[in-house]
N, C-alpha and C. Protein backbone atom coordinates (compact mmCIF):
# COMPACT_ATOMS: atom_id res chain seq x y z
N MET A 1 -45.01 35.67 -21.79
CA MET A 1 -45.03 33.98 -21.92
C MET A 1 -46.31 33.25 -21.92
N LEU A 2 -45.73 32.02 -22.95
CA LEU A 2 -47.41 31.36 -23.82
C LEU A 2 -47.86 30.47 -22.85
N ASP A 3 -47.22 29.80 -22.28
CA ASP A 3 -47.31 28.76 -21.58
C ASP A 3 -48.25 28.98 -19.99
N GLN A 4 -49.16 28.10 -19.78
CA GLN A 4 -49.92 28.39 -18.63
C GLN A 4 -48.87 27.27 -17.44
N VAL A 5 -48.58 27.90 -16.68
CA VAL A 5 -47.76 27.56 -15.40
C VAL A 5 -48.39 26.68 -14.15
N GLU A 6 -48.31 25.76 -14.19
CA GLU A 6 -49.45 24.62 -12.76
C GLU A 6 -48.04 24.78 -11.62
N THR A 7 -48.05 24.99 -10.37
CA THR A 7 -47.27 24.81 -9.73
C THR A 7 -47.54 24.14 -8.29
N VAL A 8 -46.99 23.13 -7.56
CA VAL A 8 -47.16 22.49 -6.39
C VAL A 8 -46.10 23.36 -5.55
N PRO A 9 -46.61 23.06 -3.83
CA PRO A 9 -45.28 23.95 -3.02
C PRO A 9 -44.42 22.85 -2.36
N LEU A 10 -43.68 23.39 -2.06
CA LEU A 10 -42.42 22.32 -1.95
C LEU A 10 -42.41 21.24 -0.69
N SER A 11 -43.40 21.21 -0.01
CA SER A 11 -44.12 20.29 0.88
C SER A 11 -44.96 19.27 1.18
N TYR A 12 -45.33 19.09 -1.25
CA TYR A 12 -45.89 17.95 -1.83
C TYR A 12 -44.79 17.00 -1.72
N PHE A 13 -43.26 17.37 -1.44
CA PHE A 13 -42.81 16.34 -1.88
C PHE A 13 -41.71 16.02 -0.60
N ILE A 14 -42.37 16.52 0.63
CA ILE A 14 -41.32 16.32 1.47
C ILE A 14 -41.81 15.07 2.82
N ASP A 15 -42.46 13.89 2.37
CA ASP A 15 -43.14 13.06 3.41
C ASP A 15 -42.03 12.27 3.32
N GLU A 16 -41.20 11.51 2.64
CA GLU A 16 -40.15 10.92 2.83
C GLU A 16 -38.94 11.24 3.26
N LEU A 17 -38.55 12.65 3.44
CA LEU A 17 -37.71 13.23 3.85
C LEU A 17 -37.88 13.39 5.47
N MET A 18 -39.27 13.44 5.69
CA MET A 18 -39.64 13.96 7.21
C MET A 18 -39.59 12.66 8.13
N LEU A 19 -39.29 11.75 7.37
CA LEU A 19 -39.13 10.12 8.27
C LEU A 19 -37.81 9.90 9.13
N LEU A 20 -36.77 10.67 8.48
CA LEU A 20 -35.47 11.22 9.16
C LEU A 20 -35.10 11.58 10.95
N ASP A 21 -34.62 10.96 11.41
CA ASP A 21 -34.87 11.38 12.85
C ASP A 21 -34.24 12.77 12.74
N GLY A 22 -34.98 13.64 13.40
CA GLY A 22 -34.74 14.48 14.15
C GLY A 22 -34.77 15.97 12.71
N ILE A 23 -35.27 15.51 11.32
CA ILE A 23 -35.40 16.42 10.74
C ILE A 23 -36.66 17.31 10.23
N GLU A 24 -36.10 18.79 10.42
CA GLU A 24 -37.53 19.71 10.55
C GLU A 24 -37.56 20.11 9.06
N GLN A 25 -39.09 20.45 8.89
CA GLN A 25 -39.52 20.76 7.89
C GLN A 25 -38.69 22.40 6.90
N PRO A 26 -38.38 22.94 7.39
CA PRO A 26 -37.88 24.03 6.55
C PRO A 26 -36.15 23.40 6.20
N MET A 27 -35.58 22.29 6.35
CA MET A 27 -34.56 21.93 6.33
C MET A 27 -35.05 20.78 4.89
N ALA A 28 -36.09 20.01 5.46
CA ALA A 28 -36.52 19.07 4.15
C ALA A 28 -37.06 20.01 2.94
N GLU A 29 -37.59 21.20 3.21
CA GLU A 29 -38.08 21.72 1.67
C GLU A 29 -36.46 22.10 1.29
N ASP A 30 -35.78 22.59 1.57
CA ASP A 30 -34.23 23.30 1.52
C ASP A 30 -33.85 22.57 0.50
N TYR A 31 -33.50 21.01 0.68
CA TYR A 31 -33.13 20.27 0.16
C TYR A 31 -33.93 19.77 -0.92
N ILE A 32 -35.34 19.88 -1.04
CA ILE A 32 -36.02 18.93 -2.36
C ILE A 32 -35.75 20.14 -3.06
N ARG A 33 -35.72 21.63 -2.39
CA ARG A 33 -35.13 23.04 -3.61
C ARG A 33 -33.95 22.60 -4.41
N LYS A 34 -33.29 22.64 -3.62
CA LYS A 34 -31.44 22.35 -4.19
C LYS A 34 -31.14 20.86 -5.00
N ALA A 35 -32.52 20.00 -4.88
CA ALA A 35 -32.39 18.80 -5.45
C ALA A 35 -33.03 19.07 -6.86
N ALA A 36 -34.77 19.95 -7.09
CA ALA A 36 -35.14 20.46 -8.15
C ALA A 36 -34.23 21.00 -8.78
N ILE A 37 -33.14 22.13 -8.43
CA ILE A 37 -32.35 22.86 -9.18
C ILE A 37 -31.82 21.98 -9.92
N ASP A 38 -30.99 20.81 -9.20
CA ASP A 38 -29.83 20.32 -10.10
C ASP A 38 -30.88 19.34 -11.17
N PHE A 39 -31.76 18.57 -10.69
CA PHE A 39 -32.54 17.83 -12.05
C PHE A 39 -32.76 18.75 -13.08
N CYS A 40 -33.42 19.68 -13.20
CA CYS A 40 -34.13 20.62 -14.39
C CYS A 40 -32.54 21.65 -14.70
N THR A 41 -31.54 22.02 -13.89
CA THR A 41 -30.22 22.26 -14.36
C THR A 41 -30.03 21.35 -15.86
N LYS A 42 -30.00 19.96 -15.09
CA LYS A 42 -28.71 18.95 -15.45
C LYS A 42 -30.06 18.36 -17.18
N THR A 43 -31.52 18.03 -16.46
CA THR A 43 -32.42 17.08 -17.63
C THR A 43 -32.93 18.16 -18.33
N GLN A 44 -32.90 20.02 -18.40
CA GLN A 44 -33.41 20.90 -18.69
C GLN A 44 -34.99 19.79 -19.65
N ILE A 45 -35.43 19.95 -18.50
CA ILE A 45 -36.55 19.19 -18.95
C ILE A 45 -37.94 19.95 -18.68
N ILE A 46 -38.00 21.45 -17.86
CA ILE A 46 -38.66 22.07 -17.84
C ILE A 46 -38.45 23.19 -18.72
N ARG A 47 -39.52 23.47 -19.63
CA ARG A 47 -39.89 23.97 -20.27
C ARG A 47 -40.75 25.40 -20.49
N ARG A 48 -40.14 26.79 -21.27
CA ARG A 48 -41.00 28.01 -21.05
C ARG A 48 -41.36 28.65 -22.56
N THR A 49 -42.29 28.73 -23.26
CA THR A 49 -42.86 29.70 -24.66
C THR A 49 -43.16 30.64 -24.40
N LEU A 50 -41.94 31.85 -24.88
CA LEU A 50 -41.99 33.30 -24.80
C LEU A 50 -42.33 33.47 -26.15
N GLU A 51 -42.99 34.40 -26.41
CA GLU A 51 -43.08 35.61 -27.92
C GLU A 51 -42.61 36.79 -27.69
N ILE A 52 -41.94 36.85 -27.82
CA ILE A 52 -40.96 38.14 -28.33
C ILE A 52 -41.33 39.48 -29.05
N ASP A 53 -41.77 40.54 -28.68
CA ASP A 53 -41.62 41.94 -29.71
C ASP A 53 -40.87 42.40 -29.89
N LEU A 54 -40.05 42.35 -31.46
CA LEU A 54 -38.95 42.86 -32.26
C LEU A 54 -38.96 44.22 -32.25
N ILE A 55 -37.74 44.61 -31.68
CA ILE A 55 -37.63 46.58 -32.16
C ILE A 55 -36.56 46.66 -32.98
N ALA A 56 -37.25 47.45 -34.24
CA ALA A 56 -36.16 48.08 -34.98
C ALA A 56 -34.96 48.22 -34.19
N CYS A 57 -33.84 47.79 -34.34
CA CYS A 57 -31.96 48.14 -33.71
C CYS A 57 -32.08 47.75 -32.74
N ALA A 58 -33.02 47.02 -31.93
CA ALA A 58 -33.02 46.71 -30.42
C ALA A 58 -32.38 44.74 -30.98
N ASP A 59 -31.17 44.47 -30.44
CA ASP A 59 -30.54 43.42 -30.50
C ASP A 59 -30.28 42.74 -29.00
N GLU A 60 -31.27 43.27 -27.82
CA GLU A 60 -30.73 42.42 -26.82
C GLU A 60 -32.80 42.62 -25.91
N TYR A 61 -32.76 41.66 -25.99
CA TYR A 61 -34.41 40.98 -25.10
C TYR A 61 -34.72 41.11 -23.09
N LEU A 62 -35.86 40.84 -23.08
CA LEU A 62 -35.55 40.59 -21.62
C LEU A 62 -36.58 39.21 -21.67
N LEU A 63 -36.22 38.14 -21.51
CA LEU A 63 -36.98 37.03 -21.15
C LEU A 63 -37.62 37.52 -20.21
N ASP A 64 -39.21 36.98 -20.18
CA ASP A 64 -40.28 37.63 -19.16
C ASP A 64 -40.45 36.69 -18.66
N LEU A 65 -40.50 35.63 -17.49
CA LEU A 65 -40.87 34.52 -16.97
C LEU A 65 -41.40 34.66 -15.65
N GLU A 66 -42.01 33.49 -15.35
CA GLU A 66 -42.50 33.36 -14.05
C GLU A 66 -41.64 33.68 -13.12
N ASP A 67 -41.95 34.36 -11.66
CA ASP A 67 -40.84 34.67 -10.91
C ASP A 67 -40.18 33.61 -9.92
N CYS A 68 -40.36 32.12 -10.19
CA CYS A 68 -39.44 31.71 -9.43
C CYS A 68 -38.67 30.69 -10.16
N ASP A 69 -38.78 31.26 -11.65
CA ASP A 69 -37.85 30.23 -12.94
C ASP A 69 -36.65 31.20 -13.25
N ARG A 70 -35.52 30.70 -13.81
CA ARG A 70 -34.41 31.31 -14.09
C ARG A 70 -33.63 30.38 -15.27
N VAL A 71 -33.71 31.01 -16.16
CA VAL A 71 -32.91 30.58 -17.69
C VAL A 71 -32.00 29.33 -17.54
N VAL A 72 -32.04 28.51 -17.90
CA VAL A 72 -30.79 27.41 -18.26
C VAL A 72 -29.92 27.41 -19.13
N SER A 73 -31.15 27.21 -20.37
CA SER A 73 -30.12 27.72 -21.37
C SER A 73 -31.62 28.09 -22.59
N ILE A 74 -31.33 28.47 -23.90
CA ILE A 74 -32.41 28.62 -25.01
C ILE A 74 -32.49 27.35 -25.97
N GLN A 75 -33.29 26.84 -25.95
CA GLN A 75 -33.55 25.80 -27.11
C GLN A 75 -34.18 25.98 -28.42
N GLU A 76 -34.97 26.39 -28.40
CA GLU A 76 -35.55 26.81 -30.07
C GLU A 76 -35.24 28.79 -29.98
N ALA A 77 -35.63 29.38 -31.33
CA ALA A 77 -35.55 30.11 -31.38
C ALA A 77 -36.07 30.12 -33.13
N CYS A 78 -37.88 30.12 -32.96
CA CYS A 78 -38.02 30.49 -34.79
C CYS A 78 -37.47 31.49 -35.52
N GLY A 79 -36.77 31.01 -36.50
CA GLY A 79 -36.03 31.45 -37.54
C GLY A 79 -34.83 32.02 -37.27
N TYR A 80 -33.86 31.43 -35.97
CA TYR A 80 -33.04 31.66 -36.05
C TYR A 80 -32.11 30.75 -35.63
N GLU A 81 -30.83 30.59 -34.94
CA GLU A 81 -29.51 29.50 -35.22
C GLU A 81 -29.34 29.90 -34.47
N VAL A 82 -29.45 29.24 -32.97
CA VAL A 82 -29.01 29.02 -31.47
C VAL A 82 -27.87 28.79 -31.31
N LEU A 83 -26.88 29.86 -31.11
CA LEU A 83 -25.57 29.60 -30.41
C LEU A 83 -25.08 29.79 -29.02
N ASN A 84 -24.42 29.47 -28.69
CA ASN A 84 -23.57 29.54 -27.18
C ASN A 84 -23.55 30.54 -26.58
N LYS A 85 -22.95 31.35 -27.62
CA LYS A 85 -22.02 32.28 -27.22
C LYS A 85 -22.25 33.69 -28.21
N GLU A 86 -21.87 34.86 -28.14
CA GLU A 86 -21.76 35.81 -28.96
C GLU A 86 -21.13 35.37 -30.30
N PRO A 87 -21.92 35.12 -31.56
CA PRO A 87 -21.27 35.16 -32.86
C PRO A 87 -20.07 36.09 -33.45
N CYS A 88 -19.28 35.60 -34.45
CA CYS A 88 -18.17 36.60 -34.86
C CYS A 88 -19.00 37.92 -35.46
N ASN A 89 -18.24 38.88 -35.29
CA ASN A 89 -18.89 39.93 -36.02
C ASN A 89 -17.85 40.68 -37.00
N GLY A 90 -17.29 39.75 -37.69
CA GLY A 90 -16.28 40.38 -38.25
C GLY A 90 -17.38 40.55 -39.92
N LEU A 91 -17.06 40.97 -40.83
CA LEU A 91 -17.73 41.14 -42.62
C LEU A 91 -17.87 39.90 -42.54
N ASN A 92 -17.58 39.14 -42.86
CA ASN A 92 -17.58 37.88 -43.25
C ASN A 92 -18.65 37.05 -42.76
N CYS A 93 -19.14 37.33 -41.68
CA CYS A 93 -20.02 36.62 -40.90
C CYS A 93 -21.58 36.66 -41.28
N SER A 94 -22.53 35.68 -41.63
CA SER A 94 -23.51 35.79 -41.88
C SER A 94 -24.95 35.26 -41.52
N GLY A 95 -25.60 35.47 -41.22
CA GLY A 95 -27.11 34.43 -40.83
C GLY A 95 -27.50 35.16 -39.55
N HIS A 96 -29.14 34.51 -38.93
CA HIS A 96 -30.02 35.11 -37.94
C HIS A 96 -29.25 33.97 -36.56
N TYR A 97 -28.99 34.71 -35.51
CA TYR A 97 -28.56 34.08 -34.27
C TYR A 97 -29.03 34.25 -33.20
N VAL A 98 -29.43 33.87 -32.03
CA VAL A 98 -29.46 34.06 -31.13
C VAL A 98 -29.17 33.33 -29.92
N TRP A 99 -28.66 34.55 -28.49
CA TRP A 99 -27.91 33.77 -27.33
C TRP A 99 -28.07 34.06 -26.55
N TYR A 100 -28.31 33.57 -25.38
CA TYR A 100 -28.77 33.52 -23.78
C TYR A 100 -27.21 34.32 -23.19
N VAL A 101 -27.72 35.62 -22.58
CA VAL A 101 -27.32 36.46 -21.88
C VAL A 101 -27.60 36.42 -20.73
N SER A 102 -26.81 36.01 -19.80
CA SER A 102 -26.89 36.26 -18.21
C SER A 102 -27.80 37.39 -17.79
N PRO A 103 -28.38 37.23 -16.67
CA PRO A 103 -29.10 36.45 -16.19
C PRO A 103 -30.74 36.27 -17.16
N ASN A 104 -30.86 37.10 -17.67
CA ASN A 104 -32.31 36.44 -18.39
C ASN A 104 -32.64 37.75 -19.44
N SER A 105 -31.50 37.60 -20.11
CA SER A 105 -31.95 37.71 -21.99
C SER A 105 -31.09 37.48 -22.82
N LEU A 106 -31.93 37.60 -23.67
CA LEU A 106 -31.52 37.00 -25.03
C LEU A 106 -30.96 37.96 -25.94
N LYS A 107 -30.08 37.59 -26.59
CA LYS A 107 -29.48 38.62 -27.77
C LYS A 107 -29.91 38.12 -29.20
N VAL A 108 -30.40 38.98 -30.47
CA VAL A 108 -30.33 38.71 -31.95
C VAL A 108 -29.43 38.94 -32.23
N SER A 109 -28.98 38.73 -33.67
CA SER A 109 -28.14 38.96 -34.57
C SER A 109 -28.50 38.66 -36.31
N PRO A 110 -28.61 39.36 -37.09
CA PRO A 110 -28.60 41.14 -37.17
C PRO A 110 -29.69 41.35 -36.01
N ALA A 111 -30.03 42.80 -35.41
CA ALA A 111 -31.08 43.32 -35.19
C ALA A 111 -31.90 43.54 -36.34
N PRO A 112 -33.05 43.55 -35.55
CA PRO A 112 -34.19 43.73 -36.31
C PRO A 112 -33.97 44.76 -37.50
N ALA A 113 -34.68 45.53 -38.83
CA ALA A 113 -34.36 46.64 -39.44
C ALA A 113 -35.72 47.47 -39.04
N VAL A 114 -36.98 46.55 -38.72
CA VAL A 114 -38.21 47.26 -38.34
C VAL A 114 -39.11 46.49 -37.75
N SER A 115 -39.80 47.41 -36.69
CA SER A 115 -40.63 46.44 -35.50
C SER A 115 -41.67 46.20 -36.51
N GLY A 116 -41.98 45.28 -35.24
CA GLY A 116 -43.38 44.74 -35.35
C GLY A 116 -43.32 43.50 -35.52
N GLY A 117 -42.61 42.94 -35.83
CA GLY A 117 -42.21 41.55 -35.75
C GLY A 117 -42.09 40.80 -34.76
N LYS A 118 -42.28 39.26 -34.92
CA LYS A 118 -42.39 38.56 -33.45
C LYS A 118 -41.40 37.20 -33.26
N LEU A 119 -40.21 37.24 -32.08
CA LEU A 119 -40.13 35.83 -32.05
C LEU A 119 -39.96 34.61 -31.07
N ARG A 120 -40.77 33.65 -31.41
CA ARG A 120 -41.12 32.72 -30.75
C ARG A 120 -40.22 31.77 -30.05
N VAL A 121 -39.39 31.74 -28.64
CA VAL A 121 -38.54 31.58 -27.80
C VAL A 121 -38.83 29.83 -27.12
N VAL A 122 -38.13 29.09 -26.82
CA VAL A 122 -38.77 27.70 -26.13
C VAL A 122 -37.26 27.98 -25.37
N VAL A 123 -37.23 28.26 -24.19
CA VAL A 123 -35.76 28.11 -23.03
C VAL A 123 -36.88 27.42 -22.10
N ALA A 124 -34.52 26.79 -21.62
CA ALA A 124 -35.07 25.88 -20.62
C ALA A 124 -35.07 26.03 -19.37
N VAL A 125 -35.87 26.04 -18.20
CA VAL A 125 -35.73 26.77 -17.00
C VAL A 125 -35.83 25.68 -15.66
N ALA A 126 -35.16 26.44 -14.55
CA ALA A 126 -34.64 25.76 -13.38
C ALA A 126 -35.09 26.91 -12.36
N PRO A 127 -35.77 26.16 -11.12
CA PRO A 127 -36.25 27.11 -10.08
C PRO A 127 -35.36 27.98 -9.39
N LYS A 128 -35.57 29.06 -8.76
CA LYS A 128 -34.59 29.87 -8.54
C LYS A 128 -34.19 29.06 -6.79
N GLN A 129 -33.51 30.37 -6.47
CA GLN A 129 -32.69 29.32 -4.97
C GLN A 129 -34.11 29.63 -4.02
N ASP A 130 -35.03 31.13 -4.16
CA ASP A 130 -35.86 31.17 -3.22
C ASP A 130 -37.35 30.73 -3.42
N CYS A 131 -37.35 30.10 -4.40
CA CYS A 131 -38.65 29.47 -4.97
C CYS A 131 -39.49 28.53 -3.84
N CYS A 132 -40.67 29.03 -3.45
CA CYS A 132 -41.76 28.29 -2.81
C CYS A 132 -42.23 27.20 -3.27
N GLU A 133 -42.57 27.11 -4.69
CA GLU A 133 -43.33 25.93 -5.34
C GLU A 133 -42.86 25.30 -7.00
N LEU A 134 -43.01 24.41 -6.88
CA LEU A 134 -42.07 23.68 -7.95
C LEU A 134 -43.38 23.83 -9.32
N ASP A 135 -42.75 23.27 -10.29
CA ASP A 135 -43.44 23.26 -11.68
C ASP A 135 -44.43 21.72 -11.61
N GLU A 136 -45.69 21.64 -11.44
CA GLU A 136 -46.34 20.58 -11.14
C GLU A 136 -46.19 19.26 -12.24
N LEU A 137 -45.26 19.42 -13.16
CA LEU A 137 -44.70 18.47 -14.00
C LEU A 137 -43.47 17.71 -13.57
N LEU A 138 -42.61 18.45 -12.68
CA LEU A 138 -41.61 17.39 -11.38
C LEU A 138 -42.47 16.77 -10.33
N TYR A 139 -43.60 17.12 -10.13
CA TYR A 139 -44.58 16.61 -8.96
C TYR A 139 -45.08 15.15 -9.66
N GLN A 140 -45.45 14.83 -10.84
CA GLN A 140 -46.42 14.31 -11.74
C GLN A 140 -45.63 13.51 -12.34
N ASN A 141 -44.15 13.19 -12.75
CA ASN A 141 -43.29 12.94 -13.25
C ASN A 141 -42.18 12.56 -12.94
N TYR A 142 -41.57 13.62 -11.94
CA TYR A 142 -40.27 13.11 -11.63
C TYR A 142 -40.28 13.24 -9.91
N ARG A 143 -41.45 13.02 -9.39
CA ARG A 143 -40.82 13.41 -8.28
C ARG A 143 -40.25 12.57 -7.28
N GLU A 144 -40.04 11.18 -7.43
CA GLU A 144 -39.18 10.22 -6.98
C GLU A 144 -37.73 10.63 -7.17
N ALA A 145 -37.10 11.01 -8.24
CA ALA A 145 -36.00 11.64 -8.81
C ALA A 145 -35.74 12.89 -8.08
N ILE A 146 -36.47 13.75 -8.05
CA ILE A 146 -36.04 14.76 -6.47
C ILE A 146 -36.25 14.35 -5.26
N ILE A 147 -36.94 13.23 -4.81
CA ILE A 147 -36.54 12.99 -3.36
C ILE A 147 -35.70 12.22 -3.29
N ASP A 148 -34.83 11.69 -4.48
CA ASP A 148 -33.42 10.42 -4.57
C ASP A 148 -32.51 11.38 -4.49
N LYS A 149 -32.73 12.43 -5.06
CA LYS A 149 -31.27 13.56 -5.40
C LYS A 149 -31.18 14.39 -3.51
N ALA A 150 -32.05 14.79 -2.94
CA ALA A 150 -32.40 15.16 -1.47
C ALA A 150 -32.07 14.18 -0.34
N LEU A 151 -32.56 12.85 -0.35
CA LEU A 151 -32.17 12.04 0.73
C LEU A 151 -30.55 11.88 0.60
N ALA A 152 -30.32 11.86 -1.33
CA ALA A 152 -28.56 11.17 -1.72
C ALA A 152 -27.68 12.29 -0.79
N MET A 153 -27.67 13.85 -0.69
CA MET A 153 -27.72 14.78 -0.02
C MET A 153 -27.66 15.04 1.76
N LEU A 154 -28.59 14.72 1.74
CA LEU A 154 -29.33 14.37 3.12
C LEU A 154 -28.29 13.83 3.84
N TYR A 155 -28.15 12.14 3.45
CA TYR A 155 -27.21 11.43 4.11
C TYR A 155 -25.85 11.36 4.32
N LYS A 156 -25.27 12.50 3.33
CA LYS A 156 -24.46 12.92 3.36
C LYS A 156 -23.45 14.12 4.51
N VAL A 157 -24.85 14.32 5.33
CA VAL A 157 -24.66 15.40 6.42
C VAL A 157 -24.23 14.60 7.17
N LYS A 158 -22.64 14.79 7.56
CA LYS A 158 -21.77 13.95 8.70
C LYS A 158 -22.55 14.58 10.47
N GLN A 159 -22.99 15.34 10.62
CA GLN A 159 -23.13 16.10 12.16
C GLN A 159 -25.37 15.70 12.24
N ALA A 160 -25.44 15.09 11.32
CA ALA A 160 -26.97 14.43 11.59
C ALA A 160 -27.29 13.29 11.55
N ARG A 161 -28.55 12.85 12.62
CA ARG A 161 -28.32 11.48 13.19
C ARG A 161 -28.27 10.57 12.28
N TRP A 162 -29.39 10.90 11.10
CA TRP A 162 -29.30 9.93 9.48
C TRP A 162 -27.92 9.74 9.27
N PHE A 163 -27.01 10.33 8.88
CA PHE A 163 -25.84 10.33 8.32
C PHE A 163 -25.62 8.31 7.92
N ASP A 164 -24.93 8.71 6.59
CA ASP A 164 -25.40 6.88 6.24
C ASP A 164 -24.81 7.07 4.55
N LEU A 165 -23.55 6.78 4.56
CA LEU A 165 -23.17 7.03 2.93
C LEU A 165 -23.02 5.60 2.23
N ASN A 166 -24.01 4.72 2.80
CA ASN A 166 -24.39 3.87 1.69
C ASN A 166 -25.70 4.19 1.21
N LEU A 167 -26.29 4.39 1.97
CA LEU A 167 -27.58 5.15 1.44
C LEU A 167 -27.41 6.43 0.39
N ALA A 168 -26.84 6.63 0.63
CA ALA A 168 -26.68 8.09 0.21
C ALA A 168 -26.11 7.91 -1.48
N THR A 169 -25.12 6.73 -1.41
CA THR A 169 -24.78 6.67 -2.58
C THR A 169 -25.90 5.43 -3.20
N ILE A 170 -26.86 5.21 -2.54
CA ILE A 170 -28.05 4.12 -3.18
C ILE A 170 -28.95 5.10 -3.99
N HIS A 171 -29.07 6.08 -3.34
CA HIS A 171 -30.48 7.14 -3.70
C HIS A 171 -29.32 7.94 -5.08
N GLU A 172 -28.01 8.44 -4.86
CA GLU A 172 -27.32 8.91 -5.86
C GLU A 172 -27.38 7.77 -6.57
N ARG A 173 -27.16 6.76 -7.28
CA ARG A 173 -27.22 5.93 -8.46
C ARG A 173 -28.79 6.49 -8.62
N ASP A 174 -29.86 5.79 -8.33
CA ASP A 174 -31.18 6.12 -8.65
C ASP A 174 -31.02 6.88 -9.43
N TYR A 175 -30.84 8.90 -8.87
CA TYR A 175 -30.77 9.21 -9.20
C TYR A 175 -30.17 9.88 -10.30
N LYS A 176 -28.94 9.33 -10.90
CA LYS A 176 -28.36 9.84 -12.11
C LYS A 176 -29.27 8.91 -13.10
N GLN A 177 -30.06 7.34 -12.88
CA GLN A 177 -30.92 6.87 -13.41
C GLN A 177 -31.94 7.52 -14.10
N ALA A 178 -32.49 8.27 -13.10
CA ALA A 178 -33.63 9.17 -13.09
C ALA A 178 -33.54 10.49 -14.57
N VAL A 179 -32.06 10.82 -14.20
CA VAL A 179 -31.56 12.24 -14.75
C VAL A 179 -31.68 11.65 -16.24
N THR A 180 -30.38 10.57 -16.75
CA THR A 180 -30.78 9.66 -18.06
C THR A 180 -31.99 9.75 -18.14
N LEU A 181 -32.98 9.19 -18.11
CA LEU A 181 -34.02 8.79 -18.36
C LEU A 181 -35.22 10.00 -18.64
N ALA A 182 -34.75 10.63 -18.17
CA ALA A 182 -35.78 12.55 -18.24
C ALA A 182 -35.03 12.66 -19.22
N GLY A 183 -33.44 13.04 -19.48
CA GLY A 183 -32.73 13.27 -21.20
C GLY A 183 -33.56 12.56 -22.33
N ALA A 184 -33.78 11.32 -22.09
CA ALA A 184 -34.37 10.67 -23.15
C ALA A 184 -35.89 11.33 -22.97
N ASP A 185 -36.66 11.46 -22.03
CA ASP A 185 -38.34 12.51 -22.36
C ASP A 185 -38.08 13.60 -23.10
N ARG A 186 -36.85 14.25 -22.58
CA ARG A 186 -37.16 15.61 -23.57
C ARG A 186 -36.45 15.09 -24.63
N LEU A 187 -35.62 14.39 -25.27
CA LEU A 187 -35.73 14.42 -26.57
C LEU A 187 -36.64 13.53 -27.22
N LEU A 188 -37.54 13.04 -26.77
CA LEU A 188 -38.67 11.74 -27.12
C LEU A 188 -39.86 12.70 -27.24
N GLY A 189 -39.28 14.15 -26.24
CA GLY A 189 -41.32 14.47 -25.90
C GLY A 189 -42.13 13.82 -25.27
N ALA A 190 -41.67 12.74 -24.79
CA ALA A 190 -42.58 12.23 -23.98
C ALA A 190 -42.17 11.31 -22.46
N ARG A 191 -42.89 11.27 -21.62
CA ARG A 191 -42.07 10.57 -20.69
C ARG A 191 -42.36 8.92 -20.63
N ARG A 192 -41.04 8.02 -20.68
CA ARG A 192 -41.13 6.68 -20.78
C ARG A 192 -41.03 6.36 -19.04
N GLY A 193 -41.18 4.90 -18.98
CA GLY A 193 -41.32 4.56 -17.58
C GLY A 193 -39.61 4.07 -17.78
N LYS A 194 -39.18 3.51 -16.24
CA LYS A 194 -38.31 2.49 -16.03
C LYS A 194 -37.99 1.94 -17.16
N ILE A 195 -36.89 1.75 -17.19
CA ILE A 195 -36.44 0.41 -17.63
C ILE A 195 -35.83 -0.86 -16.81
N ARG A 196 -35.83 -1.94 -17.51
CA ARG A 196 -35.40 -2.99 -16.22
C ARG A 196 -35.21 -4.01 -16.43
N LEU A 197 -33.45 -3.99 -16.90
CA LEU A 197 -33.25 -5.25 -17.66
C LEU A 197 -33.00 -6.52 -16.94
N ARG A 198 -33.14 -7.34 -17.36
CA ARG A 198 -32.83 -8.63 -16.71
C ARG A 198 -31.23 -9.03 -17.00
N ALA A 199 -31.01 -10.02 -16.50
CA ALA A 199 -29.33 -10.88 -16.47
C ALA A 199 -28.91 -11.31 -17.96
N GLY A 200 -30.42 -11.68 -18.70
CA GLY A 200 -30.21 -12.53 -20.03
C GLY A 200 -30.38 -10.95 -21.02
N GLY A 201 -30.43 -9.72 -20.72
CA GLY A 201 -30.33 -8.69 -21.34
C GLY A 201 -31.87 -8.44 -21.86
N ILE A 202 -31.76 -7.13 -22.87
CA ILE A 202 -33.10 -7.10 -22.82
C ILE A 202 -34.05 -8.30 -23.40
N TYR A 203 -33.82 -8.75 -24.13
CA TYR A 203 -35.34 -10.02 -24.85
C TYR A 203 -34.57 -11.24 -23.81
N GLY A 204 -33.71 -10.98 -22.87
CA GLY A 204 -33.13 -12.58 -22.14
C GLY A 204 -34.95 -12.79 -21.46
C-alpha cells in the first residue's frame, strides 16, 4: 500500500457519549465504531492507494490493506475501466476491466500476457467490525458527524435511561446533512464547511 495511514483510538470520539446517564466506555466505543462504518460506507471518503504487481495469466489479486480496513469499492484503476460486476465473457467483448471480488480481491480482464507490469488502484475503505482505531481523517474532519450518528442510534435504545426519540431524530438529521457534505468533499477532493441557508436563500 502506498499511503501512510495515521489512526486514532476510538476513545478520541466518546467524550459527548460519556455524558449519557449510565453509559460505559465499551458501549460508547462500540457505537462510535458502528457510526464510523456507516459513515465510511455511505460517503466512501476514506481511500487507499495500492500498487499491484501483475503476473502473467493471473486474473485475481489480493488487495493488501491495513488490518482494520475492509474494501467498500474500487474507485480508480489506472488503464482499466472499473465495473460493478464481472463483465461479459463472450467473443465480442473487448476492453480492459477491473472489478471487486468480496471480501478483499480484485479481478482484471483480460489477464496480463506477461509479468512485470504494475497496476495502481484506489479503493474506498471502511473500518472492520472489530477495529479499535479509526483513520485520523475522520477525527480531524468528520468527528461531529460520527458522534451524531452514534447518538442517533443510542437515543433509540428503549431500555436505556437516555432513551429519547426526539433527540435521535435531531442527530440523525444532522448526520444525513454531514453525509451529503462529505460526498461533496469526495467529489471535489477537498473539505467544505457547513452550508447554512437563511430564510431569503443563499443570497438573501
